[in-house]
Amino acid sequence: MDVVQLFGVNVGYHRKLKGMPHEGLVAAAEMERSYVSDLERGTRNPSVAALGRIADALGIEPHVLLLRDS
């Protein structure tokens, strides 16, 4: 799995772990719904800024979203 797909899997995992619906993450990260959806599916390459905003919205450190076994 490449790092973009890994990021997407981890975003979805941590979002669900927190019981946060997709729209909740969209609102908390102040991002477009389609962009967050693309990130979770691993079809869009996130910027470092996007990684930070998603991590903040999830209440986790950014590096956690890049770990293989998070």
Protein backbone atom coordinates (compact mmCIF):
# COMPACT_ATOMS: atom_id res chain seq x y z
CA MET A 1 0.00 0.00 0.00
CA ASP A 2 1.43 3.39 -0.93
CA VAL A 3 1.54 6.29 1.51
CA VAL A 4 -1.47 8.09 -0.04
CA GLN A 5 -3.65 5.01 0.38
CA LEU A 6 -2.24 4.43 3.87
CA PHE A 7 -3.13 7.99 4.83
CA GLY A 8 -6.69 7.48 3.61
CA VAL A 9 -7.11 4.21 5.48
CA ASN A 10 -5.79 5.81 8.67
CA VAL A 11 -8.06 8.86 8.33
CA GLY A 12 -11.08 6.59 7.99
CA TYR A 13 -9.95 4.38 10.86
CA HIS A 14 -9.38 7.25 13.30
CA ARG A 15 -12.57 9.04 12.24
CA LYS A 16 -14.62 5.90 12.92
CA LEU A 17 -12.70 5.18 16.12
CA LYS A 18 -13.84 8.57 17.43
CA GLY A 19 -17.40 7.96 16.26
CA MET A 20 -17.16 10.95 13.94
CA PRO A 21 -19.32 10.95 10.82
CA HIS A 22 -17.78 11.99 7.53
CA GLU A 23 -19.60 15.34 7.66
CA GLY A 24 -18.23 15.92 11.16
CA LEU A 25 -14.67 15.59 9.90
CA VAL A 26 -15.45 17.85 6.95
CA ALA A 27 -16.77 20.54 9.30
CA ALA A 28 -14.00 20.18 11.88
CA ALA A 29 -11.24 20.32 9.26
CA GLU A 30 -13.01 23.09 7.32
CA MET A 31 -12.53 21.26 4.03
CA GLU A 32 -14.73 20.37 1.09
CA ARG A 33 -16.70 17.14 1.42
CA SER A 34 -15.45 15.77 -1.89
CA TYR A 35 -11.81 16.52 -0.98
CA VAL A 36 -12.05 14.66 2.34
CA SER A 37 -13.82 11.80 0.59
CA ASP A 38 -11.04 11.60 -2.00
CA LEU A 39 -8.43 11.62 0.77
CA GLU A 40 -10.14 8.75 2.61
CA ARG A 41 -10.36 6.73 -0.60
CA GLY A 42 -6.67 7.35 -1.28
CA THR A 43 -7.36 8.94 -4.65
CA ARG A 44 -5.99 12.39 -3.85
CA ASN A 45 -2.51 13.26 -2.66
CA PRO A 46 -2.81 15.34 0.54
CA SER A 47 -0.69 18.40 1.15
CA VAL A 48 1.20 18.71 4.41
CA ALA A 49 -1.26 21.44 5.40
CA ALA A 50 -4.19 19.09 4.74
CA LEU A 51 -2.52 16.37 6.81
CA GLY A 52 -2.22 18.86 9.69
CA ARG A 53 -5.82 20.03 9.44
CA ILE A 54 -7.17 16.47 9.37
CA ALA A 55 -4.99 15.47 12.33
CA ASP A 56 -6.14 18.52 14.31
CA ALA A 57 -9.77 17.73 13.50
CA LEU A 58 -9.25 14.17 14.73
CA GLY A 59 -7.33 15.28 17.83
CA ILE A 60 -4.22 13.27 16.97
CA GLU A 61 -0.62 14.00 16.01
CA PRO A 62 -0.09 14.24 12.23
CA HIS A 63 2.47 11.43 12.11
CA VAL A 64 -0.14 8.96 13.37
CA LEU A 65 -1.91 9.24 10.02
CA LEU A 66 1.20 7.89 8.29
CA LEU A 67 1.86 4.88 10.55
CA ARG A 68 1.45 1.44 9.03
CA ASP A 69 -0.18 -0.11 12.10
CA SER A 70 -2.10 2.72 13.75
